[in-house]
Amino acid sequence: MKVADILEVDGCRLVEPSFAELTADACTALLFRAAPDEARLLVDEEEEPLALALHDGEGWHAVSFLFREPTLAAIECFEAVGGEIYQENRETWLSAVREYYSTELLATVVPALEDLRPDRTGMIRDLLDEVWGDRAGTPCLDCCCGSGVGTAALRAGGVRALAYDNDPSLLALGLSKGRLVPSDTMCIDAREAARYIAPVPLGAAFMAGEIYSYNAGLWESILTGFLALTDETLITVGTEAEAARVEGWCTGNGRDAEVFENRRDPLYDRWCCVARRA
């Protein structure tokens, strides 16, 4: 469903400039720049606020409380206008918000040049069959998804992949090619993923890095945060040395880890680390 459909309005703008800024408390004040004549408060299954939408001379505008608490000023504004209360499942609203920002990104960002080798999706699909077998219907994170090569392979196996990356041009490419699904894609800093994502059973990070000594701290932060969100995790890298480093991070975070060589792909996913909760 679309944001406007859930709120039953004819078009609605979310005031947060980006999906990543849905955590920013300061964004709530952006809603109160004009005098509203209508208001709608959206609550979830537990009757906790999800969003506040206000109507003024320029149309409907809304703020989302998915990742932050509503302010007293927001509630008082709603009560002063005498607005209506709507209810929706939290996951449905979250999917609609992801779709909103993905659609906006696709409309405003020039996609990167195509980066998909024609045979890579099939090679990833074969690797997933070897590591996980049939996991159709299981939620999975695609960490640092890039243009969605891995996401497409995951979905081809029936896995629901929730993808995230911080490169808008690569995300725009994946969205434009249909490898990424707007309602399941986020442009966020992977180090902050836990602020936006609940834990799921599976996780994959295809071609994580290139990991060197100078950027190892960055990748350790990304991947250890990723491990905390997943029960079974597949991480692929280009070299054996990178795989050994990733294995150390996995075991250091209490995971059983296995490293093996994937001879299907000599470039991108040559070395794999599979980590599971001990």
Protein backbone atom coordinates (compact mmCIF):
# COMPACT_ATOMS: atom_id res chain seq x y z
CA MET A 1 0.00 0.00 0.00
CA LYS A 2 1.03 3.60 -0.58
CA VAL A 3 1.45 6.15 2.21
CA ALA A 4 -1.47 8.19 0.85
CA ASP A 5 -3.70 5.11 0.58
CA ILE A 6 -3.12 4.17 4.21
CA LEU A 7 -3.98 7.70 5.35
CA GLU A 8 -6.89 7.85 2.85
CA VAL A 9 -5.76 11.16 1.41
CA ASP A 10 -5.16 12.43 -2.11
CA GLY A 11 -1.38 12.60 -2.04
CA CYS A 12 0.92 13.07 0.96
CA ARG A 13 4.47 14.31 1.44
CA LEU A 14 6.67 12.91 4.20
CA VAL A 15 8.60 15.79 5.73
CA GLU A 16 11.73 13.81 6.66
CA PRO A 17 14.23 14.48 3.84
CA SER A 18 15.32 10.82 3.63
CA PHE A 19 14.61 7.40 5.07
CA ALA A 20 17.78 7.61 7.15
CA GLU A 21 16.46 10.76 8.83
CA LEU A 22 13.37 9.02 10.18
CA THR A 23 15.31 8.69 13.43
CA ALA A 24 15.90 12.47 13.74
CA ASP A 25 13.73 14.08 16.42
CA ALA A 26 14.28 17.52 14.89
CA CYS A 27 12.29 16.51 11.80
CA THR A 28 8.99 16.55 13.71
CA ALA A 29 9.12 20.34 13.92
CA LEU A 30 9.20 20.54 10.11
CA LEU A 31 5.52 19.60 10.11
CA PHE A 32 4.39 22.75 11.88
CA ARG A 33 5.32 25.39 9.31
CA ALA A 34 1.72 26.33 8.44
CA ALA A 35 -1.63 26.37 10.20
CA PRO A 36 -3.39 23.02 9.63
CA ASP A 37 -7.11 22.67 9.00
CA GLU A 38 -7.23 18.84 9.17
CA ALA A 39 -5.23 16.17 10.99
CA ARG A 40 -4.91 12.40 10.95
CA LEU A 41 -3.10 10.32 13.54
CA LEU A 42 -2.05 6.83 12.47
CA VAL A 43 -1.63 4.22 15.21
CA ASP A 44 -0.46 0.61 15.11
CA GLU A 45 -2.00 -2.62 16.44
CA GLU A 46 -1.03 -1.62 20.00
CA GLU A 47 -2.47 1.87 19.48
CA GLU A 48 1.03 3.38 19.52
CA PRO A 49 1.46 6.41 17.21
CA LEU A 50 2.95 5.62 13.79
CA ALA A 51 2.52 8.94 12.00
CA LEU A 52 0.85 12.33 12.15
CA ALA A 53 -0.48 13.93 8.97
CA LEU A 54 -1.61 17.55 8.74
CA HIS A 55 -3.41 19.31 5.91
CA ASP A 56 -2.88 22.97 5.02
CA GLY A 57 -3.14 25.14 1.93
CA GLU A 58 -0.41 23.15 0.21
CA GLY A 59 -1.87 19.70 0.83
CA TRP A 60 -1.12 16.82 3.21
CA HIS A 61 2.21 16.49 5.03
CA ALA A 62 3.19 13.76 7.49
CA VAL A 63 5.89 12.78 9.96
CA SER A 64 6.60 9.18 10.88
CA PHE A 65 7.17 7.82 14.39
CA LEU A 66 8.52 4.42 13.34
CA PHE A 67 11.94 5.06 14.86
CA ARG A 68 11.35 7.92 17.29
CA GLU A 69 8.81 9.00 19.85
CA PRO A 70 6.06 11.51 19.03
CA THR A 71 6.53 14.91 20.64
CA LEU A 72 4.06 16.52 23.00
CA ALA A 73 3.70 19.35 20.47
CA ALA A 74 2.63 16.85 17.80
CA ILE A 75 -0.08 15.32 19.99
CA GLU A 76 -1.31 18.74 21.12
CA CYS A 77 -1.49 19.90 17.52
CA PHE A 78 -3.58 16.87 16.57
CA GLU A 79 -5.94 17.45 19.49
CA ALA A 80 -6.25 21.17 18.74
CA VAL A 81 -7.29 20.50 15.14
CA GLY A 82 -9.68 17.77 16.24
CA GLY A 83 -8.34 15.20 13.84
CA GLU A 84 -9.28 11.61 13.06
CA ILE A 85 -7.48 8.45 14.20
CA TYR A 86 -6.58 5.72 11.71
CA GLN A 87 -5.09 2.29 12.47
CA GLU A 88 -2.69 0.16 10.46
CA ASN A 89 -0.28 -2.72 10.98
CA ARG A 90 3.20 -1.37 11.77
CA GLU A 91 4.89 -3.51 9.11
CA THR A 92 2.44 -2.32 6.46
CA TRP A 93 3.22 1.32 7.27
CA LEU A 94 6.95 0.61 7.35
CA SER A 95 6.80 -1.03 3.91
CA ALA A 96 4.87 1.95 2.56
CA VAL A 97 7.43 4.38 3.94
CA ARG A 98 10.31 2.38 2.46
CA GLU A 99 8.51 2.43 -0.89
CA TYR A 100 7.95 6.19 -0.63
CA TYR A 101 11.65 6.96 -0.19
CA SER A 102 12.77 4.36 -2.74
CA THR A 103 10.45 5.90 -5.34
CA GLU A 104 11.75 9.37 -4.47
CA LEU A 105 15.36 8.17 -4.76
CA LEU A 106 14.69 6.62 -8.16
CA ALA A 107 13.13 9.89 -9.36
CA THR A 108 15.98 12.14 -8.15
CA VAL A 109 19.23 10.13 -8.39
CA VAL A 110 21.07 9.23 -11.59
CA PRO A 111 21.63 5.45 -11.57
CA ALA A 112 25.17 4.09 -11.60
CA LEU A 113 26.43 2.29 -14.68
CA GLU A 114 25.33 -1.34 -14.97
CA ASP A 115 27.59 -3.56 -12.86
CA LEU A 116 25.97 -6.98 -13.30
CA ARG A 117 27.84 -9.78 -15.03
CA PRO A 118 25.23 -11.88 -16.87
CA ASP A 119 26.23 -15.09 -15.06
CA ARG A 120 26.62 -13.75 -11.53
CA THR A 121 23.02 -14.09 -10.37
CA GLY A 122 23.03 -17.77 -11.29
CA MET A 123 26.32 -18.35 -9.49
CA ILE A 124 24.96 -16.71 -6.34
CA ARG A 125 21.79 -18.78 -6.63
CA ASP A 126 23.88 -21.98 -6.77
CA LEU A 127 25.90 -20.84 -3.75
CA LEU A 128 22.73 -20.15 -1.76
CA ASP A 129 21.36 -23.58 -2.62
CA GLU A 130 24.57 -25.14 -1.29
CA VAL A 131 24.68 -23.12 1.93
CA TRP A 132 20.98 -22.87 2.85
CA GLY A 133 19.03 -25.20 0.59
CA ASP A 134 15.33 -24.41 0.30
CA ARG A 135 14.53 -21.49 2.62
CA ALA A 136 11.57 -20.13 0.68
CA GLY A 137 9.51 -17.65 2.66
CA THR A 138 12.26 -16.94 5.20
CA PRO A 139 13.08 -13.26 5.86
CA CYS A 140 16.66 -12.33 4.98
CA LEU A 141 18.77 -9.16 5.11
CA ASP A 142 20.98 -8.19 2.17
CA CYS A 143 23.64 -6.03 3.82
CA CYS A 144 25.45 -3.54 1.56
CA CYS A 145 23.27 -4.72 -1.29
CA GLY A 146 24.69 -2.39 -3.95
CA SER A 147 22.56 -2.65 -7.09
CA GLY A 148 20.71 -5.69 -5.81
CA VAL A 149 22.52 -8.56 -7.50
CA GLY A 150 22.30 -10.68 -4.36
CA THR A 151 18.77 -9.52 -3.62
CA ALA A 152 17.61 -10.78 -7.02
CA ALA A 153 19.24 -14.16 -6.38
CA LEU A 154 17.66 -14.41 -2.93
CA ARG A 155 14.23 -13.58 -4.28
CA ALA A 156 14.63 -16.10 -7.09
CA GLY A 157 14.85 -18.74 -4.35
CA GLY A 158 11.67 -17.50 -2.67
CA VAL A 159 13.47 -15.68 0.18
CA ARG A 160 12.11 -12.26 1.16
CA ALA A 161 15.14 -10.01 1.04
CA LEU A 162 15.23 -6.69 2.88
CA ALA A 163 18.07 -4.75 1.25
CA TYR A 164 20.12 -1.78 2.42
CA ASP A 165 23.11 0.25 1.27
CA ASN A 166 24.34 3.83 1.58
CA ASP A 167 25.09 4.41 -2.14
CA PRO A 168 22.06 6.11 -3.73
CA SER A 169 23.32 5.67 -7.30
CA LEU A 170 23.73 1.90 -6.91
CA LEU A 171 20.32 1.64 -5.27
CA ALA A 172 18.81 3.68 -8.11
CA LEU A 173 20.37 1.26 -10.59
CA GLY A 174 18.94 -1.76 -8.78
CA LEU A 175 15.52 -0.18 -8.47
CA SER A 176 15.47 0.82 -12.14
CA LYS A 177 16.42 -2.72 -13.20
CA GLY A 178 13.87 -4.37 -10.93
CA ARG A 179 16.47 -6.20 -8.86
CA LEU A 180 15.51 -4.18 -5.80
CA VAL A 181 11.91 -3.91 -4.59
CA PRO A 182 10.97 -0.37 -3.45
CA SER A 183 9.03 -1.52 -0.38
CA ASP A 184 11.97 -3.65 0.82
CA THR A 185 14.89 -1.28 0.13
CA MET A 186 16.55 1.32 2.39
CA CYS A 187 19.29 3.89 1.87
CA ILE A 188 20.99 3.88 5.28
CA ASP A 189 24.42 3.69 6.87
CA ALA A 190 24.95 -0.04 7.44
CA ARG A 191 26.64 0.72 10.78
CA GLU A 192 23.28 2.06 12.00
CA ALA A 193 21.15 -0.80 10.64
CA ALA A 194 19.89 -1.87 14.07
CA ARG A 195 18.06 1.46 14.39
CA TYR A 196 15.85 0.57 11.42
CA ILE A 197 15.72 -3.23 11.25
CA ALA A 198 14.48 -5.97 13.57
CA PRO A 199 16.43 -9.27 13.76
CA VAL A 200 15.63 -11.93 11.14
CA PRO A 201 16.68 -15.56 10.62
CA LEU A 202 18.96 -15.10 7.60
CA GLY A 203 21.50 -12.57 6.38
CA ALA A 204 23.76 -12.27 3.36
CA ALA A 205 26.49 -9.80 2.44
CA PHE A 206 27.83 -10.47 -1.05
CA MET A 207 31.31 -9.19 -1.91
CA ALA A 208 31.76 -7.39 1.42
CA GLY A 209 34.67 -5.05 0.97
CA GLU A 210 37.50 -4.92 -0.35
CA ILE A 211 38.77 -5.14 3.22
CA TYR A 212 42.21 -3.73 3.98
CA SER A 213 43.98 -2.80 7.20
CA TYR A 214 43.05 0.88 6.79
CA ASN A 215 39.30 0.21 6.47
CA ALA A 216 39.04 -2.95 8.58
CA GLY A 217 37.51 -1.01 11.47
CA LEU A 218 34.69 0.23 9.25
CA TRP A 219 33.92 -3.24 7.95
CA GLU A 220 34.15 -4.78 11.40
CA SER A 221 31.53 -2.31 12.63
CA ILE A 222 29.25 -3.04 9.66
CA LEU A 223 29.56 -6.82 9.83
CA THR A 224 29.38 -7.24 13.60
CA GLY A 225 26.22 -5.15 13.60
CA PHE A 226 24.92 -7.32 10.79
CA LEU A 227 25.66 -10.48 12.78
CA ALA A 228 23.61 -9.15 15.68
CA LEU A 229 20.57 -8.90 13.38
CA THR A 230 20.78 -12.40 11.88
CA ASP A 231 20.86 -16.00 13.12
CA GLU A 232 22.57 -17.51 10.07
CA THR A 233 24.86 -15.28 8.07
CA LEU A 234 26.64 -15.70 4.72
CA ILE A 235 29.43 -13.24 3.96
CA THR A 236 31.43 -13.42 0.72
CA VAL A 237 34.71 -11.68 -0.09
CA GLY A 238 37.32 -11.79 -2.82
CA THR A 239 40.37 -13.16 -1.01
CA GLU A 240 41.28 -15.77 1.57
CA ALA A 241 42.91 -13.12 3.77
CA GLU A 242 39.67 -11.13 3.88
CA ALA A 243 37.73 -14.29 4.71
CA ALA A 244 40.09 -15.04 7.61
CA ARG A 245 39.55 -11.54 8.97
CA VAL A 246 35.76 -11.92 8.70
CA GLU A 247 35.94 -15.34 10.39
CA GLY A 248 37.76 -13.75 13.32
CA TRP A 249 35.05 -11.14 13.72
CA CYS A 250 32.39 -13.86 13.63
CA THR A 251 34.02 -16.09 16.24
CA GLY A 252 34.83 -13.03 18.34
CA ASN A 253 31.11 -12.35 18.49
CA GLY A 254 30.27 -15.85 19.70
CA ARG A 255 29.42 -17.40 16.34
CA ASP A 256 30.35 -20.77 14.92
CA ALA A 257 32.05 -19.88 11.64
CA GLU A 258 33.15 -21.86 8.60
CA VAL A 259 35.27 -20.54 5.72
CA PHE A 260 35.39 -22.21 2.32
CA GLU A 261 36.40 -21.44 -1.23
CA ASN A 262 33.64 -20.91 -3.79
CA ARG A 263 35.15 -21.84 -7.14
CA ARG A 264 32.05 -20.79 -9.09
CA ASP A 265 33.15 -17.16 -9.12
CA PRO A 266 36.86 -16.26 -9.29
CA LEU A 267 36.24 -12.52 -8.80
CA TYR A 268 33.43 -11.45 -6.49
CA ASP A 269 32.34 -14.25 -4.16
CA ARG A 270 35.43 -16.47 -4.21
CA TRP A 271 35.71 -16.91 -0.44
CA CYS A 272 32.74 -17.45 1.86
CA CYS A 273 32.24 -17.31 5.60
CA VAL A 274 29.10 -18.91 7.03
CA ALA A 275 28.36 -17.97 10.63
CA ARG A 276 25.69 -19.38 12.91
CA ARG A 277 24.72 -18.70 16.49
CA ALA A 278 26.65 -21.04 18.77
